[in-house]
Amino acid sequence: MRELLRLARQLRCDSPDPREAFVHRLRVGTGVALLILIVLLLR
């Protein structure tokens, strides 16, 4: 559980710039979607 919290803290974006925060969320979301797709294809 501690490792998940540490990972969540690393993925967090504290930038006050809304554009930078949006791009960060888009990258993280794309990475998660790719990870899910790879796991489903390997099943």
PDB file of N, CA and C in Angstrom:
ATOM      1  N   MET A   1       0.827  -1.198   0.000  1.00  0.00           N
ATOM      2  CA  MET A   1       0.000   0.000   0.000  1.00  0.00           C
ATOM      3  C   MET A   1       0.869   1.259   0.000  1.00  0.00           C
ATOM      4  N   ARG A   2       1.962   1.209   0.749  1.00  0.00           N
ATOM      5  CA  ARG A   2       2.848   2.374   0.794  1.00  0.00           C
ATOM      6  C   ARG A   2       3.443   2.673  -0.567  1.00  0.00           C
ATOM      7  N   GLU A   3       3.752   1.609  -1.328  1.00  0.00           N
ATOM      8  CA  GLU A   3       4.323   1.816  -2.654  1.00  0.00           C
ATOM      9  C   GLU A   3       3.314   2.475  -3.587  1.00  0.00           C
ATOM     10  N   LEU A   4       2.036   2.105  -3.458  1.00  0.00           N
ATOM     11  CA  LEU A   4       1.009   2.735  -4.285  1.00  0.00           C
ATOM     12  C   LEU A   4       0.856   4.216  -3.951  1.00  0.00           C
ATOM     13  N   LEU A   5       0.921   4.537  -2.668  1.00  0.00           N
ATOM     14  CA  LEU A   5       0.837   5.946  -2.272  1.00  0.00           C
ATOM     15  C   LEU A   5       2.050   6.735  -2.758  1.00  0.00           C
ATOM     16  N   ARG A   6       3.219   6.121  -2.703  1.00  0.00           N
ATOM     17  CA  ARG A   6       4.432   6.780  -3.193  1.00  0.00           C
ATOM     18  C   ARG A   6       4.327   7.021  -4.693  1.00  0.00           C
ATOM     19  N   LEU A   7       3.834   6.029  -5.431  1.00  0.00           N
ATOM     20  CA  LEU A   7       3.660   6.171  -6.873  1.00  0.00           C
ATOM     21  C   LEU A   7       2.652   7.271  -7.191  1.00  0.00           C
ATOM     22  N   ALA A   8       1.564   7.327  -6.426  1.00  0.00           N
ATOM     23  CA  ALA A   8       0.553   8.367  -6.643  1.00  0.00           C
ATOM     24  C   ALA A   8       1.136   9.752  -6.393  1.00  0.00           C
ATOM     25  N   ARG A   9       1.998   9.880  -5.396  1.00  0.00           N
ATOM     26  CA  ARG A   9       2.636  11.178  -5.132  1.00  0.00           C
ATOM     27  C   ARG A   9       3.565  11.578  -6.270  1.00  0.00           C
ATOM     28  N   GLN A  10       4.255  10.604  -6.852  1.00  0.00           N
ATOM     29  CA  GLN A  10       5.166  10.903  -7.957  1.00  0.00           C
ATOM     30  C   GLN A  10       4.402  11.307  -9.212  1.00  0.00           C
ATOM     31  N   LEU A  11       3.224  10.725  -9.408  1.00  0.00           N
ATOM     32  CA  LEU A  11       2.441  11.028 -10.602  1.00  0.00           C
ATOM     33  C   LEU A  11       1.661  12.337 -10.485  1.00  0.00           C
ATOM     34  N   ARG A  12       1.606  12.880  -9.283  1.00  0.00           N
ATOM     35  CA  ARG A  12       0.839  14.094  -9.058  1.00  0.00           C
ATOM     36  C   ARG A  12       1.517  15.296  -9.693  1.00  0.00           C
ATOM     37  N   CYS A  13       0.724  16.181 -10.243  1.00  0.00           N
ATOM     38  CA  CYS A  13       1.247  17.395 -10.880  1.00  0.00           C
ATOM     39  C   CYS A  13       0.765  18.600 -10.074  1.00  0.00           C
ATOM     40  N   ASP A  14       1.682  19.347  -9.495  1.00  0.00           N
ATOM     41  CA  ASP A  14       1.326  20.496  -8.669  1.00  0.00           C
ATOM     42  C   ASP A  14       1.529  21.818  -9.400  1.00  0.00           C
ATOM     43  N   SER A  15       1.575  21.774 -10.711  1.00  0.00           N
ATOM     44  CA  SER A  15       1.820  22.982 -11.491  1.00  0.00           C
ATOM     45  C   SER A  15       0.603  23.902 -11.465  1.00  0.00           C
ATOM     46  N   PRO A  16       0.818  25.197 -11.264  1.00  0.00           N
ATOM     47  CA  PRO A  16      -0.312  26.134 -11.286  1.00  0.00           C
ATOM     48  C   PRO A  16      -0.811  26.406 -12.713  1.00  0.00           C
ATOM     49  N   ASP A  17      -0.012  26.041 -13.724  1.00  0.00           N
ATOM     50  CA  ASP A  17      -0.387  26.263 -15.116  1.00  0.00           C
ATOM     51  C   ASP A  17      -1.404  25.198 -15.551  1.00  0.00           C
ATOM     52  N   PRO A  18      -2.635  25.599 -15.910  1.00  0.00           N
ATOM     53  CA  PRO A  18      -3.657  24.614 -16.278  1.00  0.00           C
ATOM     54  C   PRO A  18      -3.279  23.785 -17.511  1.00  0.00           C
ATOM     55  N   ARG A  19      -2.572  24.381 -18.455  1.00  0.00           N
ATOM     56  CA  ARG A  19      -2.184  23.648 -19.667  1.00  0.00           C
ATOM     57  C   ARG A  19      -1.200  22.532 -19.322  1.00  0.00           C
ATOM     58  N   GLU A  20      -0.246  22.847 -18.484  1.00  0.00           N
ATOM     59  CA  GLU A  20       0.747  21.844 -18.084  1.00  0.00           C
ATOM     60  C   GLU A  20       0.095  20.712 -17.285  1.00  0.00           C
ATOM     61  N   ALA A  21      -0.846  21.060 -16.417  1.00  0.00           N
ATOM     62  CA  ALA A  21      -1.554  20.034 -15.641  1.00  0.00           C
ATOM     63  C   ALA A  21      -2.383  19.140 -16.562  1.00  0.00           C
ATOM     64  N   PHE A  22      -3.029  19.738 -17.574  1.00  0.00           N
ATOM     65  CA  PHE A  22      -3.830  18.949 -18.514  1.00  0.00           C
ATOM     66  C   PHE A  22      -2.949  17.995 -19.312  1.00  0.00           C
ATOM     67  N   VAL A  23      -1.826  18.485 -19.808  1.00  0.00           N
ATOM     68  CA  VAL A  23      -0.911  17.635 -20.579  1.00  0.00           C
ATOM     69  C   VAL A  23      -0.390  16.499 -19.702  1.00  0.00           C
ATOM     70  N   HIS A  24      -0.094  16.791 -18.455  1.00  0.00           N
ATOM     71  CA  HIS A  24       0.382  15.763 -17.530  1.00  0.00           C
ATOM     72  C   HIS A  24      -0.688  14.679 -17.333  1.00  0.00           C
ATOM     73  N   ARG A  25      -1.933  15.108 -17.103  1.00  0.00           N
ATOM     74  CA  ARG A  25      -3.030  14.143 -16.916  1.00  0.00           C
ATOM     75  C   ARG A  25      -3.254  13.318 -18.176  1.00  0.00           C
ATOM     76  N   LEU A  26      -3.123  13.953 -19.334  1.00  0.00           N
ATOM     77  CA  LEU A  26      -3.292  13.240 -20.593  1.00  0.00           C
ATOM     78  C   LEU A  26      -2.221  12.166 -20.757  1.00  0.00           C
ATOM     79  N   ARG A  27      -0.989  12.490 -20.415  1.00  0.00           N
ATOM     80  CA  ARG A  27       0.100  11.507 -20.504  1.00  0.00           C
ATOM     81  C   ARG A  27      -0.112  10.350 -19.534  1.00  0.00           C
ATOM     82  N   VAL A  28      -0.481  10.660 -18.309  1.00  0.00           N
ATOM     83  CA  VAL A  28      -0.707   9.607 -17.315  1.00  0.00           C
ATOM     84  C   VAL A  28      -1.878   8.727 -17.737  1.00  0.00           C
ATOM     85  N   GLY A  29      -2.947   9.329 -18.215  1.00  0.00           N
ATOM     86  CA  GLY A  29      -4.110   8.564 -18.665  1.00  0.00           C
ATOM     87  C   GLY A  29      -3.785   7.670 -19.849  1.00  0.00           C
ATOM     88  N   THR A  30      -2.998   8.187 -20.779  1.00  0.00           N
ATOM     89  CA  THR A  30      -2.593   7.389 -21.935  1.00  0.00           C
ATOM     90  C   THR A  30      -1.722   6.222 -21.498  1.00  0.00           C
ATOM     91  N   GLY A  31      -0.823   6.473 -20.568  1.00  0.00           N
ATOM     92  CA  GLY A  31       0.035   5.402 -20.057  1.00  0.00           C
ATOM     93  C   GLY A  31      -0.765   4.312 -19.368  1.00  0.00           C
ATOM     94  N   VAL A  32      -1.744   4.696 -18.574  1.00  0.00           N
ATOM     95  CA  VAL A  32      -2.592   3.715 -17.881  1.00  0.00           C
ATOM     96  C   VAL A  32      -3.413   2.921 -18.895  1.00  0.00           C
ATOM     97  N   ALA A  33      -3.954   3.606 -19.912  1.00  0.00           N
ATOM     98  CA  ALA A  33      -4.746   2.922 -20.933  1.00  0.00           C
ATOM     99  C   ALA A  33      -3.883   1.918 -21.699  1.00  0.00           C
ATOM    100  N   LEU A  34      -2.652   2.294 -22.030  1.00  0.00           N
ATOM    101  CA  LEU A  34      -1.750   1.371 -22.714  1.00  0.00           C
ATOM    102  C   LEU A  34      -1.405   0.169 -21.842  1.00  0.00           C
ATOM    103  N   LEU A  35      -1.188   0.415 -20.576  1.00  0.00           N
ATOM    104  CA  LEU A  35      -0.885  -0.676 -19.652  1.00  0.00           C
ATOM    105  C   LEU A  35      -2.052  -1.667 -19.565  1.00  0.00           C
ATOM    106  N   ILE A  36      -3.273  -1.144 -19.478  1.00  0.00           N
ATOM    107  CA  ILE A  36      -4.453  -2.004 -19.429  1.00  0.00           C
ATOM    108  C   ILE A  36      -4.581  -2.795 -20.729  1.00  0.00           C
ATOM    109  N   LEU A  37      -4.359  -2.144 -21.858  1.00  0.00           N
ATOM    110  CA  LEU A  37      -4.450  -2.824 -23.149  1.00  0.00           C
ATOM    111  C   LEU A  37      -3.420  -3.951 -23.253  1.00  0.00           C
ATOM    112  N   ILE A  38      -2.204  -3.702 -22.824  1.00  0.00           N
ATOM    113  CA  ILE A  38      -1.161  -4.719 -22.879  1.00  0.00           C
ATOM    114  C   ILE A  38      -1.515  -5.899 -21.984  1.00  0.00           C
ATOM    115  N   VAL A  39      -2.009  -5.625 -20.793  1.00  0.00           N
ATOM    116  CA  VAL A  39      -2.391  -6.697 -19.876  1.00  0.00           C
ATOM    117  C   VAL A  39      -3.533  -7.528 -20.464  1.00  0.00           C
ATOM    118  N   LEU A  40      -4.504  -6.860 -21.084  1.00  0.00           N
ATOM    119  CA  LEU A  40      -5.616  -7.604 -21.675  1.00  0.00           C
ATOM    120  C   LEU A  40      -5.176  -8.432 -22.865  1.00  0.00           C
ATOM    121  N   LEU A  41      -4.260  -7.917 -23.667  1.00  0.00           N
ATOM    122  CA  LEU A  41      -3.785  -8.665 -24.829  1.00  0.00           C
ATOM    123  C   LEU A  41      -2.927  -9.852 -24.436  1.00  0.00           C
ATOM    124  N   LEU A  42      -2.223  -9.770 -23.328  1.00  0.00           N
ATOM    125  CA  LEU A  42      -1.376 -10.868 -22.880  1.00  0.00           C
ATOM    126  C   LEU A  42      -2.175 -11.965 -22.185  1.00  0.00           C
ATOM    127  N   ARG A  43      -3.383 -11.696 -21.830  1.00  0.00           N
ATOM    128  CA  ARG A  43      -4.228 -12.662 -21.140  1.00  0.00           C
ATOM    129  C   ARG A  43      -4.640 -13.811 -21.963  1.00  0.00           C
TER     130      ARG A  43
END
